[in-house]
Amino acid sequence: VSMSPAVPVNLPLQARKLNSIPEGSGVQIAWMYPLVLEWSMLLGSGERADDTSEAEWSLLTVGGFVYLQAAADNPRQMKVVCANSISFHPRGSMQFSAPQPWDAEWTSKLGRAGRFHKVTVQKWVSAGARYFCWVCPEEKILAPGARHGGFAFIFHELDQYDAAGQDRFFEVVSVASPEERTAQLLNQQPMTKTSAPEVLQSALRFRVVGEAQASSRFLEDSTKRCFRAASDGRWALLSHLLAEFPQLATAADAEGQTVLHRIALARPGARRARELLRALHAHGADLQLKDANGARAYDLGDQNFKATACQLWGLVPDLFADPEVWFDFWDQNKDGHLEPQELIPALSAAYRVGDLGRQWIETYVHTHYRELAALDPNAVLTKHALLGTSGLLQSLQSSEEFISLRGQEDSPGKKMPAIFRTEGRKKPTAADNEAIAKFSKALEALRRQNGWAV
C-alpha cells in the first residue's frame, strides 16, 4: 500500500461531521493510492451488488483518505481510525476547485521525493493524465499552499517538460453552508460576493462515501444537464461536466446542435469563452459541424467567441464578414493597429493571392499605407481607420484592383491584380506603336541634352 505523508486534519468541525472524519485532537490525514493489481483476473467480471461494496471498490481502485491517530499506549505509533473513499455528488459538502496552473518546479520536487503515482483510473487515462499526486494540506511546496490539500495531475513523463501547459492542480475546499451553495449551483441563484472565495467559482462537489459506476442513464442525464448549463450560462457547472465527461464535447442534441452551438448563442465573456473553448478544443469538439438549420457554432458566436475559435482551431477570419475579428486576429503584437508587415499577409490571406499578387499587395501597402490609414491622426491603421466611413474596408470594397482580386474565385492560387493580366486586352495598333516610338525618341534626346544616365 502506498500512502502520502500524514499531516494534521485542519477542516472545520462541521465539515468533519458531514464527511465522517473522526473528531478529536491529533487526527491526521493521508491519501492512500490505488492498489495496482489485475482486478479482472482476481475478481472476474461479476457486478458489485450494493453501495458498501462500491465504496470499498473505489477505495481499492481509485484511492481514498485514511485517518490516523496516535495509539493510547504508544504515542509514537499511529493507528488507522478509518478510511473513506470519495464520490462526486451535487450536494457534497466538499469541493474541488477549478483547475489551477501547476509549476514544473513543483513536479521536480515531488518527483524526487517519489510522491507521484501512475494514473490507473480509466477516465483520467483517457483524458491524457499519466501521473497524479496528493498534495498535503498547507504543504509549503505550493505558493501559497493549499489549505486543505489537493491533487496534481501530470500529462507527460516526470522527466519531461510540460511543453503543452496541461499540468493542473485541483484544490480541496470546504463549504460553510452546503444548502446555500447547492441552491446557488443547481437553482441558478446568483452568487453573492461573500458566499465563496474566487477559487470556488468553478468548483466541483464531492462527498466522502465511495464512487459509483456511471450508468448509461446517468450519462444521459449528464448530457442533458450539460446542454442546459451551456444554454443558461451556468459556466461553472458546464466546465466540470466537461471535465468529468469529455465525450460530451462532441455530443449533439435532436436539432444537431453541440455544446459549442449553445455556448455561441449564450454569449459568455471573453475570459470564460477562452476557458470553455480551450476545453472543448482539447476534447475534440468540431467547430465546422452544422446544426439542422445549416448553422455552424462559429456563425452564431459573437466577436469574443469567433476570435478565440480562430486562434484555437487555426481559422482565418473573413475580412468582409467579420472585419473586427479579422483585425484582432492579424494584430499579432496587440498594439491596436496593423503595421505594414501585419497588413501585407492579412490582405494576401483575405484575397488568397499567389506569389505575384502578394508582391503587388506588398508594393501597394508600402506605397499607400498613409492613405490607407488616413482616418487616424497618427497615420496608423487602427480599427477605426479600417471600419470608419471612408476607411480602408470601404476603399477595398470600391477599389477596382481589389475587386478584381476578390472576383477570381475560380483559380485562387493564380490570382493577380488586373494590371498584371494581359488576356483579353486589345493588341496595340500601328498608331500606338508610332506614338511609342516618337515618345522614346524624345526621351532619348532629353537624356543626351541633360546627361541623364540610363
Foldseek 3Di string as FASTA:
>chain_A
DDKDDKDFADDDPVLCVQFVNDDDPAKIKIKDAADPDPVCVVPNDDDDDDLQVQFVVCCRHGIWMWIWGADPVGNVDIDTPDTWAKAFDLLFQKKWFDWDFDDLVLLVVCVVVVFWDADDPVLVVVLQFGIKGWAQACRVSDVRGQNHTWMWTDRDDSVDDPPVRPITIIGMDGFPDSVVVSCCLPVVDDDDPPRDDPRRLQITHMHTHHYDDQDPVNVVVLLVVLLVCLQVVSLSSNLVSCVNPVVLLADADPQRDGSLLSNQQNADDLVSLLSVVVSSVSSPHDQCGATNVRDGSCNSHDLSNVLSCCVSVVNQDACVPCVVSNQVNLPVVPPQFADLVSVLVSLCVNLLEAPQASVVSSVVCVVCQLVQQVVDPVSTGGSCQCPPVVHNVVCLVPPQQNVQSNPPPPCSNHGHTPVPDDPPDDDDDPVRVVVVVVVVVVVVVVCVVVVPDD
